[in-house]
Amino acid sequence: MTETSGPALLHPGNVRIRDDGVATLLGARCDRCALVVFPAMPVCPRCRTATMHEAELGRDATLYSHAIAHVAPQGFTAPYYQAFVRLAEGPLAFTLIGRDVPVREGVLRDGAAMSLVIEPLADTPEKRRWLTYKYIPRESDA
């Protein structure tokens, strides 16, 4: 697709943007053992039954760990954050950190409360069109 095309979700099966503009991640919850997973899976990895049903999750999370990437693949600009967040519903998810968070040591703190945002994958022309989920510190933890 060309740069003039509108934005598109990078992984539409992992994200839902509701009509009211609220974004959530799409995972699954097991009806049998209540395990919540992200991304969604057809079979529960804990009890191994096919009792998984879609679950909206991920609006709130806690920063589990993070690193600053100083080398970037094509289409990205270094430095940038890579992180794992613990979703409020339980799963651990890999994510990038929102582009407005300054990238330097000491800005993020493991254990900080985080909120889901939808942003361009990267600010470079070849990635700007693709939207993805990212996390940013909540105002109280900024």
N, C-alpha and C. Protein backbone atom coordinates (compact mmCIF):
# COMPACT_ATOMS: atom_id res chain seq x y z
N MET A 1 0.84 -1.19 0.00
CA MET A 1 0.00 0.00 0.00
C MET A 1 0.87 1.24 0.00
N THR A 2 0.33 2.31 -0.46
CA THR A 2 1.09 3.55 -0.55
C THR A 2 0.97 4.36 0.72
N GLU A 3 1.87 5.32 0.87
CA GLU A 3 1.86 6.20 2.03
C GLU A 3 0.59 7.04 2.09
N THR A 4 -0.07 7.26 0.96
CA THR A 4 -1.29 8.07 0.95
C THR A 4 -2.49 7.29 1.49
N SER A 5 -2.35 5.98 1.62
CA SER A 5 -3.43 5.20 2.22
C SER A 5 -3.57 5.59 3.69
N GLY A 6 -4.78 5.41 4.21
CA GLY A 6 -5.02 5.74 5.61
C GLY A 6 -4.33 4.77 6.55
N PRO A 7 -4.33 5.07 7.84
CA PRO A 7 -3.70 4.19 8.82
C PRO A 7 -4.44 2.86 8.91
N ALA A 8 -3.70 1.83 9.30
CA ALA A 8 -4.27 0.50 9.47
C ALA A 8 -3.63 -0.16 10.68
N LEU A 9 -4.41 -0.98 11.39
CA LEU A 9 -3.87 -1.71 12.53
C LEU A 9 -2.89 -2.76 12.04
N LEU A 10 -1.74 -2.83 12.69
CA LEU A 10 -0.72 -3.81 12.33
C LEU A 10 -1.22 -5.23 12.56
N HIS A 11 -1.83 -5.48 13.71
CA HIS A 11 -2.38 -6.80 14.05
C HIS A 11 -3.83 -6.62 14.50
N PRO A 12 -4.76 -6.53 13.54
CA PRO A 12 -6.16 -6.24 13.91
C PRO A 12 -6.79 -7.30 14.81
N GLY A 13 -6.28 -8.52 14.80
CA GLY A 13 -6.82 -9.56 15.68
C GLY A 13 -6.42 -9.39 17.13
N ASN A 14 -5.47 -8.48 17.41
CA ASN A 14 -5.00 -8.28 18.78
C ASN A 14 -5.55 -7.02 19.44
N VAL A 15 -6.20 -6.16 18.67
CA VAL A 15 -6.64 -4.86 19.18
C VAL A 15 -8.07 -4.59 18.73
N ARG A 16 -8.85 -3.98 19.61
CA ARG A 16 -10.18 -3.50 19.24
C ARG A 16 -10.26 -2.03 19.62
N ILE A 17 -10.70 -1.23 18.66
CA ILE A 17 -10.99 0.17 18.94
C ILE A 17 -12.50 0.31 18.82
N ARG A 18 -13.14 0.51 19.96
CA ARG A 18 -14.59 0.57 19.99
C ARG A 18 -15.11 1.87 19.39
N ASP A 19 -16.39 1.92 19.11
CA ASP A 19 -17.02 3.10 18.53
C ASP A 19 -16.81 4.35 19.39
N ASP A 20 -16.69 4.17 20.72
CA ASP A 20 -16.48 5.31 21.61
C ASP A 20 -15.00 5.73 21.67
N GLY A 21 -14.14 5.09 20.85
CA GLY A 21 -12.73 5.45 20.78
C GLY A 21 -11.84 4.74 21.79
N VAL A 22 -12.44 3.95 22.69
CA VAL A 22 -11.66 3.22 23.69
C VAL A 22 -11.01 2.01 23.04
N ALA A 23 -9.71 1.86 23.28
CA ALA A 23 -8.96 0.73 22.73
C ALA A 23 -8.75 -0.33 23.81
N THR A 24 -8.82 -1.57 23.40
CA THR A 24 -8.50 -2.69 24.29
C THR A 24 -7.72 -3.72 23.49
N LEU A 25 -6.96 -4.54 24.19
CA LEU A 25 -6.33 -5.68 23.57
C LEU A 25 -7.35 -6.81 23.54
N LEU A 26 -7.21 -7.72 22.58
CA LEU A 26 -8.10 -8.87 22.49
C LEU A 26 -7.32 -10.12 22.89
N GLY A 27 -7.72 -10.68 23.98
CA GLY A 27 -7.14 -11.91 24.46
C GLY A 27 -8.22 -12.95 24.55
N ALA A 28 -8.00 -13.94 25.40
CA ALA A 28 -9.00 -14.99 25.60
C ALA A 28 -8.99 -15.43 27.05
N ARG A 29 -10.16 -15.86 27.51
CA ARG A 29 -10.32 -16.36 28.88
C ARG A 29 -10.89 -17.77 28.79
N CYS A 30 -10.34 -18.67 29.58
CA CYS A 30 -10.81 -20.05 29.60
C CYS A 30 -12.04 -20.16 30.49
N ASP A 31 -13.11 -20.71 29.94
CA ASP A 31 -14.33 -20.91 30.72
C ASP A 31 -14.15 -21.96 31.81
N ARG A 32 -13.23 -22.87 31.62
CA ARG A 32 -13.04 -23.97 32.58
C ARG A 32 -12.16 -23.57 33.76
N CYS A 33 -10.96 -22.99 33.48
CA CYS A 33 -10.03 -22.71 34.57
C CYS A 33 -9.80 -21.22 34.80
N ALA A 34 -10.41 -20.35 34.00
CA ALA A 34 -10.35 -18.89 34.12
C ALA A 34 -9.01 -18.27 33.74
N LEU A 35 -8.09 -19.01 33.15
CA LEU A 35 -6.83 -18.45 32.70
C LEU A 35 -7.09 -17.42 31.61
N VAL A 36 -6.40 -16.29 31.68
CA VAL A 36 -6.49 -15.24 30.67
C VAL A 36 -5.16 -15.23 29.92
N VAL A 37 -5.23 -15.18 28.58
CA VAL A 37 -4.03 -15.17 27.76
C VAL A 37 -4.08 -14.02 26.76
N PHE A 38 -2.89 -13.56 26.36
CA PHE A 38 -2.74 -12.60 25.29
C PHE A 38 -1.47 -12.95 24.55
N PRO A 39 -1.57 -13.07 23.21
CA PRO A 39 -2.76 -12.94 22.38
C PRO A 39 -3.69 -14.14 22.58
N ALA A 40 -4.86 -14.04 21.97
CA ALA A 40 -5.87 -15.09 22.10
C ALA A 40 -5.34 -16.41 21.55
N MET A 41 -5.77 -17.50 22.17
CA MET A 41 -5.43 -18.86 21.73
C MET A 41 -6.71 -19.68 21.67
N PRO A 42 -6.79 -20.65 20.76
CA PRO A 42 -8.00 -21.46 20.67
C PRO A 42 -8.11 -22.53 21.75
N VAL A 43 -6.96 -22.93 22.33
CA VAL A 43 -6.94 -23.98 23.36
C VAL A 43 -6.23 -23.42 24.58
N CYS A 44 -6.76 -23.70 25.75
CA CYS A 44 -6.17 -23.22 27.00
C CYS A 44 -4.83 -23.91 27.25
N PRO A 45 -3.75 -23.14 27.44
CA PRO A 45 -2.46 -23.77 27.70
C PRO A 45 -2.35 -24.40 29.09
N ARG A 46 -3.26 -24.05 30.00
CA ARG A 46 -3.21 -24.61 31.35
C ARG A 46 -3.98 -25.94 31.42
N CYS A 47 -5.26 -25.92 31.05
CA CYS A 47 -6.08 -27.14 31.21
C CYS A 47 -6.27 -27.90 29.90
N ARG A 48 -5.77 -27.33 28.81
CA ARG A 48 -5.75 -27.97 27.49
C ARG A 48 -7.14 -28.30 26.94
N THR A 49 -8.10 -27.46 27.27
CA THR A 49 -9.44 -27.63 26.69
C THR A 49 -9.72 -26.48 25.75
N ALA A 50 -10.60 -26.71 24.82
CA ALA A 50 -10.97 -25.68 23.84
C ALA A 50 -12.16 -24.88 24.36
N THR A 51 -11.98 -24.26 25.50
CA THR A 51 -13.06 -23.50 26.13
C THR A 51 -12.71 -22.02 26.22
N MET A 52 -11.91 -21.54 25.27
CA MET A 52 -11.46 -20.15 25.28
C MET A 52 -12.48 -19.25 24.60
N HIS A 53 -12.71 -18.09 25.21
CA HIS A 53 -13.61 -17.10 24.64
C HIS A 53 -12.96 -15.73 24.67
N GLU A 54 -13.26 -14.91 23.66
CA GLU A 54 -12.65 -13.59 23.54
C GLU A 54 -12.84 -12.77 24.81
N ALA A 55 -11.80 -12.03 25.16
CA ALA A 55 -11.85 -11.15 26.32
C ALA A 55 -11.15 -9.84 25.98
N GLU A 56 -11.79 -8.72 26.28
CA GLU A 56 -11.15 -7.42 26.14
C GLU A 56 -10.30 -7.17 27.37
N LEU A 57 -9.06 -6.78 27.17
CA LEU A 57 -8.16 -6.57 28.29
C LEU A 57 -7.09 -5.56 27.93
N GLY A 58 -6.23 -5.27 28.89
CA GLY A 58 -5.04 -4.50 28.63
C GLY A 58 -5.13 -3.00 28.73
N ARG A 59 -6.25 -2.43 29.11
CA ARG A 59 -6.29 -0.97 29.22
C ARG A 59 -5.35 -0.48 30.32
N ASP A 60 -5.19 -1.28 31.36
CA ASP A 60 -4.29 -0.96 32.46
C ASP A 60 -3.25 -2.05 32.60
N ALA A 61 -2.04 -1.64 32.95
CA ALA A 61 -0.95 -2.59 33.10
C ALA A 61 0.07 -2.02 34.08
N THR A 62 1.03 -2.87 34.44
CA THR A 62 2.15 -2.48 35.29
C THR A 62 3.43 -2.80 34.53
N LEU A 63 4.35 -1.85 34.50
CA LEU A 63 5.62 -2.07 33.82
C LEU A 63 6.38 -3.17 34.54
N TYR A 64 6.64 -4.26 33.85
CA TYR A 64 7.33 -5.42 34.43
C TYR A 64 8.84 -5.27 34.27
N SER A 65 9.29 -4.96 33.05
CA SER A 65 10.70 -4.70 32.78
C SER A 65 10.82 -3.93 31.47
N HIS A 66 11.94 -3.26 31.29
CA HIS A 66 12.11 -2.47 30.08
C HIS A 66 13.59 -2.32 29.75
N ALA A 67 13.85 -2.00 28.50
CA ALA A 67 15.21 -1.76 28.03
C ALA A 67 15.17 -0.70 26.95
N ILE A 68 16.28 -0.03 26.79
CA ILE A 68 16.43 0.93 25.70
C ILE A 68 17.20 0.24 24.59
N ALA A 69 16.59 0.20 23.40
CA ALA A 69 17.25 -0.36 22.23
C ALA A 69 18.05 0.76 21.57
N HIS A 70 19.35 0.53 21.42
CA HIS A 70 20.22 1.55 20.83
C HIS A 70 20.52 1.28 19.36
N VAL A 71 20.10 0.13 18.86
CA VAL A 71 20.23 -0.23 17.45
C VAL A 71 18.83 -0.56 16.96
N ALA A 72 18.49 -0.04 15.79
CA ALA A 72 17.12 -0.21 15.29
C ALA A 72 17.10 -0.94 13.95
N PRO A 73 16.09 -1.80 13.76
CA PRO A 73 15.92 -2.41 12.44
C PRO A 73 15.44 -1.36 11.44
N GLN A 74 15.50 -1.71 10.17
CA GLN A 74 15.05 -0.79 9.13
C GLN A 74 13.62 -0.35 9.40
N GLY A 75 13.38 0.93 9.27
CA GLY A 75 12.03 1.47 9.49
C GLY A 75 11.82 1.99 10.90
N PHE A 76 12.80 1.85 11.78
CA PHE A 76 12.72 2.36 13.14
C PHE A 76 13.88 3.31 13.38
N THR A 77 13.75 4.12 14.40
CA THR A 77 14.81 5.05 14.77
C THR A 77 15.21 4.78 16.20
N ALA A 78 16.49 4.55 16.44
CA ALA A 78 16.99 4.33 17.80
C ALA A 78 17.37 5.68 18.40
N PRO A 79 17.32 5.79 19.70
CA PRO A 79 16.92 4.77 20.67
C PRO A 79 15.40 4.74 20.84
N TYR A 80 14.91 3.60 21.32
CA TYR A 80 13.50 3.45 21.65
C TYR A 80 13.37 2.40 22.75
N TYR A 81 12.23 2.42 23.44
CA TYR A 81 11.99 1.46 24.53
C TYR A 81 11.35 0.19 24.01
N GLN A 82 11.77 -0.92 24.57
CA GLN A 82 11.09 -2.20 24.46
C GLN A 82 10.74 -2.60 25.89
N ALA A 83 9.57 -3.19 26.08
CA ALA A 83 9.15 -3.48 27.45
C ALA A 83 8.24 -4.69 27.52
N PHE A 84 8.13 -5.22 28.72
CA PHE A 84 7.10 -6.18 29.07
C PHE A 84 6.23 -5.50 30.11
N VAL A 85 4.91 -5.64 29.93
CA VAL A 85 3.96 -5.14 30.92
C VAL A 85 3.11 -6.30 31.41
N ARG A 86 2.74 -6.23 32.68
CA ARG A 86 1.80 -7.20 33.25
C ARG A 86 0.43 -6.58 33.15
N LEU A 87 -0.42 -7.17 32.31
CA LEU A 87 -1.78 -6.66 32.14
C LEU A 87 -2.55 -6.85 33.44
N ALA A 88 -3.49 -5.96 33.72
CA ALA A 88 -4.29 -6.05 34.94
C ALA A 88 -5.00 -7.40 35.05
N GLU A 89 -5.30 -8.01 33.91
CA GLU A 89 -6.00 -9.30 33.89
C GLU A 89 -5.04 -10.49 34.07
N GLY A 90 -3.73 -10.24 34.13
CA GLY A 90 -2.78 -11.30 34.42
C GLY A 90 -1.67 -11.57 33.42
N PRO A 91 -1.93 -11.61 32.12
CA PRO A 91 -0.86 -11.97 31.18
C PRO A 91 0.27 -10.95 31.12
N LEU A 92 1.43 -11.44 30.76
CA LEU A 92 2.59 -10.60 30.48
C LEU A 92 2.61 -10.36 28.98
N ALA A 93 2.80 -9.11 28.54
CA ALA A 93 2.77 -8.78 27.11
C ALA A 93 3.99 -7.95 26.73
N PHE A 94 4.56 -8.26 25.58
CA PHE A 94 5.64 -7.45 25.02
C PHE A 94 5.03 -6.23 24.37
N THR A 95 5.70 -5.08 24.50
CA THR A 95 5.18 -3.84 23.93
C THR A 95 6.30 -2.85 23.68
N LEU A 96 6.00 -1.88 22.88
CA LEU A 96 6.83 -0.69 22.77
C LEU A 96 6.22 0.36 23.68
N ILE A 97 7.01 1.36 24.03
CA ILE A 97 6.53 2.45 24.88
C ILE A 97 6.18 3.62 23.98
N GLY A 98 5.14 4.35 24.32
CA GLY A 98 4.65 5.47 23.51
C GLY A 98 5.74 6.46 23.13
N ARG A 99 5.57 7.06 21.97
CA ARG A 99 6.62 7.90 21.39
C ARG A 99 6.86 9.20 22.14
N ASP A 100 5.92 9.66 22.97
CA ASP A 100 6.11 10.92 23.69
C ASP A 100 6.87 10.75 25.01
N VAL A 101 7.23 9.51 25.35
CA VAL A 101 8.00 9.26 26.57
C VAL A 101 9.48 9.44 26.23
N PRO A 102 10.18 10.37 26.90
CA PRO A 102 11.60 10.59 26.60
C PRO A 102 12.41 9.31 26.80
N VAL A 103 13.29 9.01 25.83
CA VAL A 103 14.07 7.77 25.88
C VAL A 103 15.44 8.08 26.49
N ARG A 104 15.52 7.85 27.80
CA ARG A 104 16.79 7.98 28.51
C ARG A 104 16.68 7.25 29.85
N GLU A 105 17.82 6.89 30.39
CA GLU A 105 17.87 6.16 31.66
C GLU A 105 17.13 6.94 32.74
N GLY A 106 16.37 6.20 33.57
CA GLY A 106 15.70 6.79 34.71
C GLY A 106 14.32 7.35 34.46
N VAL A 107 13.88 7.39 33.21
CA VAL A 107 12.55 7.94 32.92
C VAL A 107 11.46 6.95 33.31
N LEU A 108 11.65 5.68 32.99
CA LEU A 108 10.68 4.64 33.34
C LEU A 108 11.13 3.92 34.61
N ARG A 109 10.15 3.44 35.35
CA ARG A 109 10.43 2.71 36.59
C ARG A 109 9.63 1.41 36.57
N ASP A 110 10.33 0.27 36.66
CA ASP A 110 9.62 -1.00 36.74
C ASP A 110 8.65 -0.94 37.92
N GLY A 111 7.44 -1.44 37.71
CA GLY A 111 6.39 -1.36 38.72
C GLY A 111 5.45 -0.19 38.51
N ALA A 112 5.75 0.70 37.57
CA ALA A 112 4.91 1.87 37.32
C ALA A 112 3.60 1.47 36.67
N ALA A 113 2.54 2.19 36.98
CA ALA A 113 1.24 1.99 36.36
C ALA A 113 1.29 2.51 34.93
N MET A 114 0.75 1.74 34.00
CA MET A 114 0.81 2.07 32.57
C MET A 114 -0.60 2.04 31.98
N SER A 115 -0.78 2.79 30.90
CA SER A 115 -2.06 2.84 30.19
C SER A 115 -1.83 2.54 28.71
N LEU A 116 -2.79 1.88 28.11
CA LEU A 116 -2.75 1.50 26.70
C LEU A 116 -3.01 2.72 25.81
N VAL A 117 -2.23 2.84 24.73
CA VAL A 117 -2.46 3.84 23.69
C VAL A 117 -2.30 3.16 22.33
N ILE A 118 -2.91 3.74 21.32
CA ILE A 118 -2.74 3.28 19.94
C ILE A 118 -1.98 4.37 19.22
N GLU A 119 -0.84 3.99 18.63
CA GLU A 119 0.03 4.95 17.96
C GLU A 119 0.62 4.34 16.70
N PRO A 120 1.22 5.18 15.84
CA PRO A 120 1.98 4.62 14.73
C PRO A 120 3.10 3.71 15.25
N LEU A 121 3.36 2.66 14.52
CA LEU A 121 4.41 1.71 14.91
C LEU A 121 5.73 2.43 15.11
N ALA A 122 6.08 3.32 14.18
CA ALA A 122 7.30 4.13 14.28
C ALA A 122 7.05 5.43 13.52
N ASP A 123 7.94 6.39 13.71
CA ASP A 123 7.77 7.69 13.06
C ASP A 123 8.41 7.78 11.68
N THR A 124 8.99 6.70 11.21
CA THR A 124 9.61 6.71 9.89
C THR A 124 8.53 6.53 8.81
N PRO A 125 8.76 7.04 7.61
CA PRO A 125 7.74 6.96 6.56
C PRO A 125 7.25 5.54 6.29
N GLU A 126 8.11 4.54 6.36
CA GLU A 126 7.70 3.18 6.04
C GLU A 126 6.91 2.50 7.16
N LYS A 127 6.89 3.06 8.36
CA LYS A 127 6.17 2.45 9.48
C LYS A 127 5.07 3.35 10.05
N ARG A 128 5.05 4.62 9.69
CA ARG A 128 4.11 5.58 10.27
C ARG A 128 2.66 5.21 9.99
N ARG A 129 2.37 4.56 8.88
CA ARG A 129 1.02 4.21 8.48
C ARG A 129 0.42 3.11 9.36
N TRP A 130 1.28 2.25 9.92
CA TRP A 130 0.80 1.11 10.70
C TRP A 130 0.59 1.49 12.16
N LEU A 131 -0.62 1.29 12.66
CA LEU A 131 -0.93 1.56 14.06
C LEU A 131 -0.76 0.29 14.88
N THR A 132 -0.30 0.45 16.10
CA THR A 132 -0.14 -0.67 17.00
C THR A 132 -0.41 -0.22 18.43
N TYR A 133 -0.49 -1.18 19.33
CA TYR A 133 -0.67 -0.85 20.74
C TYR A 133 0.69 -0.56 21.36
N LYS A 134 0.69 0.39 22.26
CA LYS A 134 1.87 0.74 23.06
C LYS A 134 1.37 1.10 24.45
N TYR A 135 2.29 1.28 25.38
CA TYR A 135 1.92 1.70 26.72
C TYR A 135 2.69 2.95 27.10
N ILE A 136 2.05 3.77 27.93
CA ILE A 136 2.67 4.98 28.47
C ILE A 136 2.43 5.00 29.98
N PRO A 137 3.32 5.67 30.72
CA PRO A 137 3.09 5.78 32.16
C PRO A 137 1.83 6.60 32.42
N ARG A 138 1.08 6.19 33.44
CA ARG A 138 -0.07 6.98 33.86
C ARG A 138 0.44 8.29 34.43
N GLU A 139 -0.38 9.31 34.37
CA GLU A 139 -0.01 10.65 34.87
C GLU A 139 0.59 10.58 36.27
N SER A 140 0.01 9.78 37.15
CA SER A 140 0.48 9.71 38.53
C SER A 140 1.86 9.05 38.65
N ASP A 141 2.29 8.29 37.61
CA ASP A 141 3.58 7.63 37.65
C ASP A 141 4.59 8.24 36.70
N ALA A 142 4.22 9.32 36.04
CA ALA A 142 5.12 9.95 35.06
C ALA A 142 6.25 10.69 35.75
